[in-house]
Amino acid sequence: MSAGATAAAVAGAAAATTSSSAHTLIYTFLVMTPQQFMNAVNSVKGEVIVVEVVRKEGVIHKSTAHYYVTSLQGLIAVTKSTQPISLPSHAKVISASDIILPAIVRETLNNIKRSEHPQQ
């Protein structure tokens, strides 16, 4: 490989690295109470996919937490409840083993009043 070809390959690799690192994905999370989440899913016409994750939380006193995530017109809606929530028949529920959320979203979910459960 000539010196010019090597320089061009290095320059191309550097450009690709710069280009790929410039792609930053930004998402908007709508942190909702369980009731707000149910209302939002109920308002969707047609099928809506909801991901549900059930996990144990806490160090000493393990409690069950139910996380629900869906997309609403490109925005990510998320809620957390201590009990399962009832979703409409047009909601296709997919169970997942875990969920990864940004720290600020987890913190906000943890601040939702524990007494604020959906009315079923």
N, C-alpha and C. Protein backbone atom coordinates (compact mmCIF):
# COMPACT_ATOMS: atom_id res chain seq x y z
N MET A 1 0.86 -1.17 0.00
CA MET A 1 0.00 0.00 0.00
C MET A 1 0.90 1.22 0.00
N SER A 2 0.61 2.18 -0.86
CA SER A 2 1.43 3.38 -0.95
C SER A 2 1.17 4.28 0.25
N ALA A 3 2.07 5.23 0.46
CA ALA A 3 1.94 6.17 1.58
C ALA A 3 0.66 6.98 1.44
N GLY A 4 0.32 7.34 0.19
CA GLY A 4 -0.91 8.12 -0.04
C GLY A 4 -2.15 7.30 0.29
N ALA A 5 -2.15 6.02 -0.08
CA ALA A 5 -3.29 5.15 0.18
C ALA A 5 -3.43 4.92 1.69
N THR A 6 -2.28 4.74 2.38
CA THR A 6 -2.31 4.55 3.82
C THR A 6 -2.86 5.79 4.51
N ALA A 7 -2.39 6.97 4.09
CA ALA A 7 -2.87 8.23 4.67
C ALA A 7 -4.36 8.39 4.43
N ALA A 8 -4.83 8.02 3.24
CA ALA A 8 -6.26 8.13 2.92
C ALA A 8 -7.07 7.17 3.78
N ALA A 9 -6.57 5.96 4.02
CA ALA A 9 -7.27 4.99 4.84
C ALA A 9 -7.36 5.47 6.29
N VAL A 10 -6.26 6.04 6.81
CA VAL A 10 -6.26 6.57 8.18
C VAL A 10 -7.22 7.74 8.29
N ALA A 11 -7.20 8.63 7.30
CA ALA A 11 -8.11 9.78 7.31
C ALA A 11 -9.56 9.32 7.24
N GLY A 12 -9.82 8.29 6.42
CA GLY A 12 -11.17 7.76 6.31
C GLY A 12 -11.64 7.14 7.61
N ALA A 13 -10.76 6.41 8.28
CA ALA A 13 -11.10 5.79 9.57
C ALA A 13 -11.37 6.87 10.62
N ALA A 14 -10.56 7.93 10.61
CA ALA A 14 -10.77 9.02 11.56
C ALA A 14 -12.10 9.71 11.31
N ALA A 15 -12.44 9.91 10.05
CA ALA A 15 -13.71 10.54 9.71
C ALA A 15 -14.88 9.66 10.13
N ALA A 16 -14.75 8.36 9.94
CA ALA A 16 -15.81 7.43 10.33
C ALA A 16 -16.00 7.44 11.85
N THR A 17 -14.89 7.49 12.59
CA THR A 17 -14.96 7.54 14.04
C THR A 17 -15.63 8.82 14.50
N THR A 18 -15.24 9.94 13.90
CA THR A 18 -15.84 11.22 14.25
C THR A 18 -17.31 11.22 13.91
N SER A 19 -17.64 10.70 12.75
CA SER A 19 -19.02 10.66 12.31
C SER A 19 -19.87 9.79 13.23
N SER A 20 -19.38 8.60 13.59
CA SER A 20 -20.18 7.71 14.42
C SER A 20 -20.32 8.25 15.84
N SER A 21 -19.31 8.95 16.35
CA SER A 21 -19.43 9.49 17.70
C SER A 21 -20.33 10.72 17.73
N ALA A 22 -20.63 11.28 16.57
CA ALA A 22 -21.51 12.43 16.51
C ALA A 22 -22.98 12.02 16.56
N HIS A 23 -23.27 10.74 16.40
CA HIS A 23 -24.65 10.25 16.44
C HIS A 23 -25.04 10.00 17.90
N THR A 24 -25.73 10.97 18.48
CA THR A 24 -26.19 10.84 19.84
C THR A 24 -27.71 10.72 19.81
N LEU A 25 -28.20 9.71 20.46
CA LEU A 25 -29.64 9.51 20.52
C LEU A 25 -30.20 10.18 21.77
N ILE A 26 -31.24 10.94 21.58
CA ILE A 26 -31.88 11.62 22.69
C ILE A 26 -33.33 11.16 22.72
N TYR A 27 -33.77 10.70 23.86
CA TYR A 27 -35.14 10.24 24.03
C TYR A 27 -35.83 11.09 25.09
N THR A 28 -37.12 11.25 24.94
CA THR A 28 -37.92 11.92 25.95
C THR A 28 -38.72 10.87 26.68
N PHE A 29 -38.57 10.83 27.99
CA PHE A 29 -39.31 9.88 28.83
C PHE A 29 -40.46 10.62 29.49
N LEU A 30 -41.64 10.06 29.38
CA LEU A 30 -42.80 10.57 30.09
C LEU A 30 -42.98 9.68 31.32
N VAL A 31 -42.62 10.19 32.47
CA VAL A 31 -42.76 9.43 33.70
C VAL A 31 -44.17 9.70 34.21
N MET A 32 -44.97 8.64 34.30
CA MET A 32 -46.37 8.78 34.65
C MET A 32 -46.71 7.98 35.89
N THR A 33 -47.80 8.38 36.54
CA THR A 33 -48.35 7.54 37.60
C THR A 33 -48.99 6.35 36.91
N PRO A 34 -49.21 5.26 37.62
CA PRO A 34 -49.87 4.11 36.99
C PRO A 34 -51.23 4.47 36.36
N GLN A 35 -52.00 5.33 37.02
CA GLN A 35 -53.30 5.73 36.48
C GLN A 35 -53.14 6.53 35.19
N GLN A 36 -52.18 7.44 35.17
CA GLN A 36 -51.93 8.21 33.94
C GLN A 36 -51.51 7.29 32.80
N PHE A 37 -50.67 6.30 33.12
CA PHE A 37 -50.20 5.35 32.12
C PHE A 37 -51.38 4.57 31.55
N MET A 38 -52.25 4.07 32.43
CA MET A 38 -53.43 3.34 31.98
C MET A 38 -54.31 4.21 31.09
N ASN A 39 -54.51 5.45 31.49
CA ASN A 39 -55.33 6.36 30.68
C ASN A 39 -54.71 6.60 29.32
N ALA A 40 -53.39 6.76 29.28
CA ALA A 40 -52.70 7.00 28.01
C ALA A 40 -52.81 5.80 27.09
N VAL A 41 -52.62 4.60 27.63
CA VAL A 41 -52.73 3.38 26.82
C VAL A 41 -54.17 3.19 26.35
N ASN A 42 -55.13 3.49 27.20
CA ASN A 42 -56.54 3.38 26.82
C ASN A 42 -56.90 4.33 25.69
N SER A 43 -56.21 5.47 25.59
CA SER A 43 -56.54 6.46 24.57
C SER A 43 -55.98 6.12 23.19
N VAL A 44 -55.08 5.14 23.13
CA VAL A 44 -54.48 4.74 21.85
C VAL A 44 -55.49 3.92 21.06
N LYS A 45 -55.66 4.29 19.81
CA LYS A 45 -56.54 3.51 18.93
C LYS A 45 -55.69 2.47 18.22
N GLY A 46 -56.14 1.25 18.20
CA GLY A 46 -55.36 0.18 17.59
C GLY A 46 -54.43 -0.45 18.60
N GLU A 47 -53.63 -1.40 18.10
CA GLU A 47 -52.74 -2.16 18.98
C GLU A 47 -51.62 -1.28 19.53
N VAL A 48 -51.29 -1.49 20.78
CA VAL A 48 -50.17 -0.81 21.42
C VAL A 48 -49.35 -1.87 22.14
N ILE A 49 -48.04 -1.79 21.99
CA ILE A 49 -47.14 -2.75 22.64
C ILE A 49 -46.66 -2.15 23.96
N VAL A 50 -46.82 -2.93 25.02
CA VAL A 50 -46.39 -2.51 26.35
C VAL A 50 -45.40 -3.56 26.86
N VAL A 51 -44.25 -3.10 27.30
CA VAL A 51 -43.26 -4.00 27.89
C VAL A 51 -43.43 -3.96 29.40
N GLU A 52 -43.51 -5.15 30.00
CA GLU A 52 -43.67 -5.25 31.45
C GLU A 52 -42.46 -5.99 32.02
N VAL A 53 -41.91 -5.43 33.10
CA VAL A 53 -40.82 -6.07 33.82
C VAL A 53 -41.23 -6.14 35.29
N VAL A 54 -41.18 -7.33 35.84
CA VAL A 54 -41.49 -7.54 37.26
C VAL A 54 -40.19 -7.92 37.93
N ARG A 55 -39.83 -7.18 38.97
CA ARG A 55 -38.58 -7.50 39.65
C ARG A 55 -38.67 -7.20 41.13
N LYS A 56 -37.82 -7.86 41.87
CA LYS A 56 -37.73 -7.64 43.31
C LYS A 56 -36.75 -6.50 43.55
N GLU A 57 -37.13 -5.62 44.46
CA GLU A 57 -36.26 -4.49 44.79
C GLU A 57 -36.09 -4.41 46.30
N GLY A 58 -35.03 -3.77 46.71
CA GLY A 58 -34.77 -3.60 48.13
C GLY A 58 -33.72 -4.58 48.61
N VAL A 59 -33.03 -4.18 49.66
CA VAL A 59 -31.96 -5.01 50.19
C VAL A 59 -32.49 -5.90 51.31
N ILE A 60 -33.15 -5.30 52.27
CA ILE A 60 -33.65 -6.08 53.41
C ILE A 60 -35.10 -6.50 53.18
N HIS A 61 -35.93 -5.54 52.88
CA HIS A 61 -37.35 -5.80 52.65
C HIS A 61 -37.60 -5.83 51.15
N LYS A 62 -37.53 -7.01 50.59
CA LYS A 62 -37.75 -7.16 49.16
C LYS A 62 -39.22 -6.89 48.83
N SER A 63 -39.43 -6.01 47.87
CA SER A 63 -40.79 -5.74 47.42
C SER A 63 -40.82 -5.94 45.90
N THR A 64 -41.99 -6.21 45.39
CA THR A 64 -42.15 -6.42 43.96
C THR A 64 -42.47 -5.10 43.29
N ALA A 65 -41.78 -4.83 42.21
CA ALA A 65 -42.04 -3.62 41.42
C ALA A 65 -42.40 -4.04 40.01
N HIS A 66 -43.42 -3.41 39.49
CA HIS A 66 -43.89 -3.67 38.12
C HIS A 66 -43.56 -2.42 37.30
N TYR A 67 -42.73 -2.58 36.29
CA TYR A 67 -42.39 -1.49 35.38
C TYR A 67 -43.14 -1.70 34.07
N TYR A 68 -43.67 -0.64 33.52
CA TYR A 68 -44.37 -0.69 32.24
C TYR A 68 -43.81 0.40 31.34
N VAL A 69 -43.52 0.04 30.09
CA VAL A 69 -42.96 0.98 29.12
C VAL A 69 -43.68 0.81 27.79
N THR A 70 -44.00 1.93 27.16
CA THR A 70 -44.58 1.90 25.82
C THR A 70 -44.16 3.15 25.07
N SER A 71 -44.42 3.15 23.79
CA SER A 71 -44.14 4.32 22.96
C SER A 71 -45.47 4.98 22.62
N LEU A 72 -45.54 6.27 22.87
CA LEU A 72 -46.72 7.05 22.54
C LEU A 72 -46.32 8.16 21.59
N GLN A 73 -46.60 7.97 20.34
CA GLN A 73 -46.26 8.93 19.28
C GLN A 73 -44.80 9.37 19.36
N GLY A 74 -43.91 8.40 19.54
CA GLY A 74 -42.48 8.67 19.55
C GLY A 74 -41.90 9.03 20.90
N LEU A 75 -42.75 9.21 21.90
CA LEU A 75 -42.27 9.50 23.25
C LEU A 75 -42.33 8.21 24.06
N ILE A 76 -41.41 8.03 24.98
CA ILE A 76 -41.37 6.81 25.78
C ILE A 76 -42.12 7.07 27.08
N ALA A 77 -43.21 6.34 27.28
CA ALA A 77 -43.99 6.46 28.51
C ALA A 77 -43.60 5.32 29.44
N VAL A 78 -43.38 5.64 30.70
CA VAL A 78 -42.93 4.64 31.66
C VAL A 78 -43.61 4.89 33.00
N THR A 79 -43.93 3.79 33.68
CA THR A 79 -44.48 3.90 35.01
C THR A 79 -43.98 2.73 35.85
N LYS A 80 -44.19 2.84 37.14
CA LYS A 80 -43.80 1.81 38.09
C LYS A 80 -44.93 1.67 39.09
N SER A 81 -45.25 0.44 39.44
CA SER A 81 -46.32 0.18 40.38
C SER A 81 -45.94 -0.98 41.30
N THR A 82 -46.52 -0.99 42.48
CA THR A 82 -46.26 -2.09 43.40
C THR A 82 -47.17 -3.28 43.12
N GLN A 83 -48.13 -3.08 42.23
CA GLN A 83 -49.04 -4.16 41.85
C GLN A 83 -49.28 -4.11 40.35
N PRO A 84 -49.71 -5.21 39.77
CA PRO A 84 -49.97 -5.21 38.32
C PRO A 84 -51.07 -4.21 37.97
N ILE A 85 -50.98 -3.63 36.80
CA ILE A 85 -52.04 -2.74 36.35
C ILE A 85 -52.82 -3.43 35.24
N SER A 86 -54.09 -3.10 35.15
CA SER A 86 -54.95 -3.67 34.11
C SER A 86 -54.79 -2.85 32.84
N LEU A 87 -54.51 -3.53 31.77
CA LEU A 87 -54.36 -2.86 30.49
C LEU A 87 -55.49 -3.31 29.57
N PRO A 88 -55.86 -2.47 28.61
CA PRO A 88 -56.96 -2.82 27.72
C PRO A 88 -56.59 -4.00 26.81
N SER A 89 -57.62 -4.58 26.20
CA SER A 89 -57.40 -5.77 25.37
C SER A 89 -56.57 -5.47 24.12
N HIS A 90 -56.53 -4.21 23.67
CA HIS A 90 -55.74 -3.89 22.48
C HIS A 90 -54.26 -3.66 22.81
N ALA A 91 -53.89 -3.83 24.09
CA ALA A 91 -52.49 -3.70 24.49
C ALA A 91 -51.84 -5.09 24.44
N LYS A 92 -50.80 -5.20 23.65
CA LYS A 92 -50.05 -6.45 23.58
C LYS A 92 -48.90 -6.33 24.59
N VAL A 93 -48.97 -7.16 25.64
CA VAL A 93 -47.99 -7.07 26.72
C VAL A 93 -46.86 -8.06 26.45
N ILE A 94 -45.66 -7.54 26.48
CA ILE A 94 -44.46 -8.35 26.30
C ILE A 94 -43.69 -8.33 27.61
N SER A 95 -43.42 -9.51 28.15
CA SER A 95 -42.66 -9.60 29.40
C SER A 95 -41.17 -9.62 29.10
N ALA A 96 -40.43 -8.87 29.89
CA ALA A 96 -38.97 -8.82 29.75
C ALA A 96 -38.36 -9.14 31.11
N SER A 97 -37.12 -9.59 31.09
CA SER A 97 -36.46 -9.98 32.34
C SER A 97 -35.87 -8.79 33.10
N ASP A 98 -35.56 -7.72 32.41
CA ASP A 98 -35.00 -6.54 33.08
C ASP A 98 -35.21 -5.32 32.21
N ILE A 99 -35.00 -4.16 32.81
CA ILE A 99 -35.15 -2.90 32.10
C ILE A 99 -33.99 -2.00 32.49
N ILE A 100 -33.47 -1.30 31.53
CA ILE A 100 -32.37 -0.37 31.78
C ILE A 100 -32.90 1.03 31.49
N LEU A 101 -32.92 1.85 32.52
CA LEU A 101 -33.40 3.22 32.39
C LEU A 101 -32.34 4.17 32.89
N PRO A 102 -32.29 5.38 32.33
CA PRO A 102 -31.35 6.37 32.86
C PRO A 102 -31.62 6.64 34.35
N ALA A 103 -30.59 7.00 35.07
CA ALA A 103 -30.69 7.20 36.52
C ALA A 103 -31.77 8.22 36.89
N ILE A 104 -31.87 9.30 36.14
CA ILE A 104 -32.86 10.33 36.46
C ILE A 104 -34.28 9.80 36.31
N VAL A 105 -34.50 8.90 35.36
CA VAL A 105 -35.83 8.32 35.17
C VAL A 105 -36.15 7.39 36.34
N ARG A 106 -35.18 6.56 36.74
CA ARG A 106 -35.39 5.67 37.89
C ARG A 106 -35.70 6.46 39.15
N GLU A 107 -34.94 7.53 39.36
CA GLU A 107 -35.15 8.36 40.54
C GLU A 107 -36.54 8.98 40.53
N THR A 108 -36.97 9.46 39.39
CA THR A 108 -38.29 10.06 39.28
C THR A 108 -39.38 9.02 39.52
N LEU A 109 -39.20 7.82 38.97
CA LEU A 109 -40.16 6.74 39.20
C LEU A 109 -40.25 6.39 40.69
N ASN A 110 -39.13 6.40 41.37
CA ASN A 110 -39.11 6.08 42.80
C ASN A 110 -39.81 7.14 43.63
N ASN A 111 -39.93 8.34 43.10
CA ASN A 111 -40.58 9.43 43.82
C ASN A 111 -42.09 9.48 43.61
N ILE A 112 -42.62 8.63 42.72
CA ILE A 112 -44.07 8.57 42.56
C ILE A 112 -44.65 8.05 43.86
N LYS A 113 -45.69 8.70 44.32
CA LYS A 113 -46.31 8.29 45.58
C LYS A 113 -46.64 6.81 45.57
N ARG A 114 -46.19 6.11 46.58
CA ARG A 114 -46.46 4.67 46.66
C ARG A 114 -47.95 4.38 46.79
N SER A 115 -48.68 5.34 47.33
CA SER A 115 -50.11 5.11 47.53
C SER A 115 -50.91 5.35 46.25
N GLU A 116 -50.25 5.84 45.23
CA GLU A 116 -50.94 6.18 44.00
C GLU A 116 -51.01 4.96 43.07
N HIS A 117 -51.93 4.07 43.34
CA HIS A 117 -52.12 2.87 42.55
C HIS A 117 -53.28 3.07 41.61
N PRO A 118 -53.28 2.37 40.51
CA PRO A 118 -54.38 2.52 39.57
C PRO A 118 -55.68 1.99 40.14
N GLN A 119 -56.75 2.65 39.75
CA GLN A 119 -58.08 2.17 40.14
C GLN A 119 -58.51 1.15 39.12
N GLN A 120 -58.77 -0.05 39.57
CA GLN A 120 -59.11 -1.11 38.63
C GLN A 120 -60.58 -1.45 38.67
